[in-house]
Amino acid sequence: MPLVLIKALKWSLRWVPILLIWFLAISIIYFGITYLQVWMASGSDNSADGADAAVVLGAAQYNGEPSPVFAARLDRAYDLYADGLVQIVITTGSNQPGDLFTQGKAGYDYLRTKGIPDEHLVVIVDGSSTYEELAATSRQIARFGIKTVVLVSDSYHTFRLRQISNEVGLDATVAPTSGKAGFTHLMRETFAAGLGRIFGYRRLDAR
């Protein structure tokens, strides 16, 4: 091997550990800052000013019966409606393989039994992820005369919901449920939000 190539190889190998250390340091700082942003956002509620509609992010349902997590989101949306802060409630979410009901339909049925009339409910079943649900909502709400929305989900979703809303063009605020944001959920959201800001949520969702 020529002497020049040997020297170049030695130089490269000498810099690899240094570059790795810098990469790890920058990653730790970046995701550390993102964690703080996710944690701080998890305690904020911007629903007091109201909106045209509440959008309930989908969660698990079992044969048409919302899971406790999903029911908590639906109850939060119902309270917004009952308090006159929104005029319409939109339920979102498709179904998993083998499911007979979509999350959107299960949410619709749940809110109908609580007394919200059919004309004040909208079901959007396009989407099996947060990004897909919000993108579908952004595409479809104009035909219902809806311009502003308040997004209803768990508190740890707040930061990422705002980020995705900006990306898909939704004029949105957030109304989180009252459940506590656990460390595991916050960490998962930190990586999802951190990677989403780097690669774009649409591109990340397509993977």
Protein backbone atom coordinates (compact mmCIF):
# COMPACT_ATOMS: atom_id res chain seq x y z
CA MET A 1 0.00 0.00 0.00
CA PRO A 2 1.44 3.42 -0.93
CA LEU A 3 2.79 5.47 1.96
CA VAL A 4 0.37 8.32 1.20
CA LEU A 5 -2.64 6.02 1.60
CA ILE A 6 -1.26 4.60 4.83
CA LYS A 7 -0.87 8.10 6.27
CA ALA A 8 -4.37 9.06 5.13
CA LEU A 9 -5.82 5.93 6.74
CA LYS A 10 -4.03 6.62 10.02
CA TRP A 11 -5.27 10.22 9.96
CA SER A 12 -8.85 9.07 9.35
CA LEU A 13 -8.73 6.49 12.13
CA ARG A 14 -7.38 9.10 14.53
CA TRP A 15 -10.35 11.40 13.86
CA VAL A 16 -13.11 8.76 13.98
CA PRO A 17 -13.23 8.54 17.81
CA ILE A 18 -13.22 12.34 18.08
CA LEU A 19 -16.07 12.67 15.59
CA LEU A 20 -18.05 9.98 17.41
CA ILE A 21 -17.60 11.79 20.71
CA TRP A 22 -18.80 15.06 19.15
CA PHE A 23 -21.79 13.27 17.58
CA LEU A 24 -22.77 11.70 20.90
CA ALA A 25 -22.34 14.99 22.75
CA ILE A 26 -24.48 16.92 20.25
CA SER A 27 -27.12 14.16 20.29
CA ILE A 28 -27.31 14.18 24.08
CA ILE A 29 -27.67 17.96 24.16
CA TYR A 30 -30.26 17.99 21.35
CA PHE A 31 -32.45 15.26 22.79
CA GLY A 32 -31.99 16.67 26.29
CA ILE A 33 -33.38 20.01 25.15
CA THR A 34 -36.18 18.22 23.30
CA TYR A 35 -37.05 16.27 26.46
CA LEU A 36 -37.38 19.54 28.38
CA GLN A 37 -39.62 20.96 25.66
CA VAL A 38 -41.82 17.85 25.68
CA TRP A 39 -42.01 17.85 29.48
CA MET A 40 -42.83 21.56 29.73
CA ALA A 41 -45.49 21.33 27.02
CA SER A 42 -47.16 18.37 28.74
CA GLY A 43 -48.53 20.65 31.45
CA SER A 44 -50.00 23.31 29.16
CA ASP A 45 -53.65 23.65 28.15
CA ASN A 46 -54.61 26.18 25.46
CA SER A 47 -58.29 25.31 25.16
CA ALA A 48 -59.78 28.19 27.19
CA ASP A 49 -60.27 30.40 24.13
CA GLY A 50 -62.21 27.68 22.34
CA ALA A 51 -62.19 26.71 18.67
CA ASP A 52 -64.57 25.70 15.92
CA ALA A 53 -64.09 22.01 16.67
CA ALA A 54 -62.37 19.54 18.97
CA VAL A 55 -60.35 16.79 17.30
CA VAL A 56 -60.00 13.60 19.34
CA LEU A 57 -56.89 11.61 18.46
CA GLY A 58 -57.65 7.92 18.13
CA ALA A 59 -56.59 5.24 20.61
CA ALA A 60 -57.37 1.58 21.20
CA GLN A 61 -60.95 0.32 21.09
CA TYR A 62 -62.27 -3.16 21.73
CA ASN A 63 -65.27 -4.25 19.67
CA GLY A 64 -66.52 -0.69 19.56
CA GLU A 65 -65.82 0.05 23.23
CA PRO A 66 -63.17 2.76 23.76
CA SER A 67 -60.22 1.81 25.94
CA PRO A 68 -59.76 3.82 29.16
CA VAL A 69 -57.18 6.02 27.41
CA PHE A 70 -59.51 6.68 24.48
CA ALA A 71 -62.51 7.23 26.78
CA ALA A 72 -60.55 9.86 28.74
CA ARG A 73 -59.87 11.75 25.51
CA LEU A 74 -63.51 11.52 24.46
CA ASP A 75 -64.67 12.71 27.89
CA ARG A 76 -62.33 15.70 27.61
CA ALA A 77 -63.79 16.57 24.22
CA TYR A 78 -67.31 16.19 25.61
CA ASP A 79 -66.49 18.64 28.40
CA LEU A 80 -65.23 21.17 25.83
CA TYR A 81 -68.49 20.77 23.93
CA ALA A 82 -70.65 20.97 27.06
CA ASP A 83 -68.82 24.12 28.17
CA GLY A 84 -69.52 25.78 24.81
CA LEU A 85 -65.84 25.97 23.84
CA VAL A 86 -66.41 23.99 20.63
CA GLN A 87 -69.46 23.43 18.44
CA ILE A 88 -68.29 20.24 16.72
CA VAL A 89 -66.36 17.18 17.87
CA ILE A 90 -64.31 15.23 15.34
CA THR A 91 -63.32 11.66 16.16
CA THR A 92 -60.40 10.16 14.26
CA GLY A 93 -58.63 6.86 13.75
CA SER A 94 -58.86 3.83 11.49
CA ASN A 95 -59.01 0.19 12.55
CA GLN A 96 -56.32 -2.39 13.19
CA PRO A 97 -56.25 -5.64 11.18
CA GLY A 98 -59.12 -7.84 12.33
CA ASP A 99 -61.05 -5.04 14.04
CA LEU A 100 -64.75 -4.70 13.21
CA PHE A 101 -64.87 -1.05 14.30
CA THR A 102 -62.71 1.95 13.52
CA GLN A 103 -61.49 4.14 16.33
CA GLY A 104 -63.34 7.06 14.77
CA LYS A 105 -66.66 5.17 14.75
CA ALA A 106 -66.17 3.88 18.29
CA GLY A 107 -65.54 7.45 19.44
CA TYR A 108 -68.60 8.68 17.57
CA ASP A 109 -70.86 6.07 19.19
CA TYR A 110 -69.46 6.88 22.64
CA LEU A 111 -70.17 10.60 22.28
CA ARG A 112 -73.64 9.96 20.85
CA THR A 113 -74.53 8.02 23.99
CA LYS A 114 -73.31 10.98 26.07
CA GLY A 115 -75.77 13.23 24.30
CA ILE A 116 -73.91 15.05 21.53
CA PRO A 117 -76.29 15.22 18.54
CA ASP A 118 -75.29 13.66 15.25
CA GLU A 119 -75.11 17.01 13.45
CA HIS A 120 -72.36 18.13 15.83
CA LEU A 121 -70.18 15.06 15.26
CA VAL A 122 -67.75 14.32 12.42
CA VAL A 123 -65.92 11.03 11.88
CA ILE A 124 -62.59 10.87 10.04
CA VAL A 125 -61.24 7.34 9.68
CA ASP A 126 -58.29 8.06 7.38
CA GLY A 127 -55.14 7.44 9.37
CA SER A 128 -53.52 4.96 11.71
CA SER A 129 -50.92 7.31 13.20
CA THR A 130 -50.93 10.77 14.74
CA TYR A 131 -49.48 12.32 11.60
CA GLU A 132 -51.99 10.59 9.30
CA GLU A 133 -54.94 11.55 11.49
CA LEU A 134 -53.93 15.21 11.62
CA ALA A 135 -53.09 15.33 7.91
CA ALA A 136 -56.50 13.83 7.07
CA THR A 137 -58.19 16.31 9.41
CA SER A 138 -56.38 19.21 7.74
CA ARG A 139 -57.57 18.04 4.31
CA GLN A 140 -61.21 17.50 5.26
CA ILE A 141 -62.31 20.15 7.77
CA ALA A 142 -62.81 22.95 5.24
CA ARG A 143 -65.93 21.29 3.83
CA PHE A 144 -67.51 21.50 7.29
CA GLY A 145 -66.69 25.20 7.64
CA ILE A 146 -64.10 24.50 10.33
CA LYS A 147 -61.08 26.79 10.51
CA THR A 148 -59.73 26.35 14.04
CA VAL A 149 -59.43 23.20 16.12
CA VAL A 150 -58.41 22.12 19.59
CA LEU A 151 -56.62 18.78 19.65
CA VAL A 152 -57.48 16.34 22.42
CA SER A 153 -54.97 13.69 23.45
CA ASP A 154 -52.78 12.64 26.36
CA SER A 155 -50.66 15.36 27.94
CA TYR A 156 -47.35 13.90 26.80
CA HIS A 157 -48.44 14.29 23.14
CA THR A 158 -48.79 18.08 23.39
CA PHE A 159 -45.42 19.17 22.00
CA ARG A 160 -45.48 16.76 19.05
CA LEU A 161 -49.11 17.62 18.26
CA ARG A 162 -48.16 21.28 17.91
CA GLN A 163 -45.23 20.40 15.69
CA ILE A 164 -47.28 18.16 13.39
CA SER A 165 -50.13 20.68 13.26
CA ASN A 166 -47.75 23.30 11.94
CA GLU A 167 -46.43 20.87 9.34
CA VAL A 168 -49.89 19.89 8.01
CA GLY A 169 -51.31 23.42 8.18
CA LEU A 170 -53.76 23.12 11.06
CA ASP A 171 -54.66 26.20 13.12
CA ALA A 172 -54.69 24.28 16.38
CA THR A 173 -54.43 24.50 20.14
CA VAL A 174 -54.22 21.54 22.51
CA ALA A 175 -56.45 20.29 25.33
CA PRO A 176 -54.69 17.42 27.11
CA THR A 177 -56.37 14.85 29.32
CA SER A 178 -55.71 14.95 33.04
CA GLY A 179 -53.54 11.83 33.17
CA LYS A 180 -49.95 12.20 34.39
CA ALA A 181 -47.18 12.09 31.80
CA GLY A 182 -44.95 9.17 32.79
CA PHE A 183 -41.21 9.07 32.15
CA THR A 184 -41.48 6.27 29.57
CA HIS A 185 -44.07 8.19 27.56
CA LEU A 186 -42.02 11.38 27.76
CA MET A 187 -38.90 9.59 26.53
CA ARG A 188 -40.76 8.02 23.63
CA GLU A 189 -42.22 11.38 22.66
CA THR A 190 -38.78 12.97 22.96
CA PHE A 191 -37.29 10.66 20.36
CA ALA A 192 -40.36 10.92 18.11
CA ALA A 193 -40.34 14.72 18.25
CA GLY A 194 -36.57 14.97 17.97
CA LEU A 195 -36.41 12.78 14.88
CA GLY A 196 -39.51 14.43 13.43
CA ARG A 197 -37.88 17.84 13.54
CA ILE A 198 -34.78 16.52 11.80
CA PHE A 199 -36.36 14.43 9.05
CA GLY A 200 -39.89 15.89 8.92
CA TYR A 201 -42.89 14.14 10.42
CA ARG A 202 -44.32 13.15 7.06
CA ARG A 203 -41.10 11.48 5.95
CA LEU A 204 -40.67 9.80 9.33
CA ASP A 205 -44.25 8.51 9.31
CA ALA A 206 -43.77 6.95 5.87
CA ARG A 207 -40.94 4.72 7.09
